[in-house]
Amino acid sequence: MTPLTINHHTHYHYSSPVELGPHRLLIRPRAGHDIRIVSSDLVITPQPVKLTWARDVYDNSVAQLYFSDESTTELDIRSDVLIEHYDDKPLDFVVEARAVKFPFLLLPSERIELWPYLIPSYLDDQAAVATWTAEFWQAERRVETYTMLDRMNRAIAEQFTYRAREEPGVQRPGKTLASRSGSCRDFATLLIESCRHLGLAARFVSGYASTEDIPAAMGATHAWTEVFLPGAGWKGFDSTGGIVTGTNHIAMAVGRDPESLPPVAGSFSSIDPQVRSELKVNVSVKRSM
């Protein structure tokens, strides 16, 4: 068991007074057999008039914030969470015999449940993705499923250059392949699209990573891929580091596509048509004594 302290600070500054609309937060870790939330503290300024928690279609914990109509030039959100992480043996899993070798067939019931995670999101990029995945699997061949996934995951980490992009959104897989560079979200998107091209169910994970062990996670949230393997369930692959996820990774939200999983999302209005917002985010994940 590994105790971890997560400090997530988000600060917005507006150049003119604004009225805050509803906001949605996806910053609470996904508790389960592998993660236990020991304590949590959420401080928001200005204080919302109403805060509700709900589960979305992916079973993520979602906080909904509703503010008064009073104007402000700041929005400050501080989340401090202490967890216990029990996934200290990430490679200790068993894949069903039918899925040890790739390609394999999903059961009809599995295909129904996993259908959204099997459909490619970037149809225009399939030719580039097909060329890249051919380095790891060719038709009429049988390979070990985990070995193929591990090779793809490591190839992104070893052959591509990590860079923290300031531009909003996610880079298309075709552009990531062409530039051989991208952010953690871009790398995860490429691996997801590659898995789906091959017929494997894959989903996007937004979360936290230990800032003591993974430099790319320093000061910000992190992102990786989960692939469904019969018998083992959803297994995490971090293409930024080329590793399988374990106690250094804490999922806070999962979904089909990264665009639907920003940690903080909301709106504001102002009488000033030229109002500008400035965002600062700082995330720290460290082992607790």
Foldseek 3Di string as FASTA:
>chain_A
DFKKKKKKKKKKFKPDWWFFAKKKFLADFDDDPFKDWPDKDKDKPVAAPDWDWDQDPQRFIMIIGGHDRDIDRMIMIIMITIMDGRQPPQVPFDFPPQQQKPPGDDDPVVCVVQVLQLDADCVVCLVVLVVVLVVQDDPPDIDGPVVSLLVLLQCLQVQAAEDDDPDDDEDDLNVCSVRSYYHQQNSQSSSSNSCSSRRWGKKKFKWAFACVPQVSRFFHIGIWMWTQGHRGGTWTGRSNNSDTDGPRITTRDMDSHPVVDDRMDTDIGDPDPPMDMDMGMGMHMDTDD
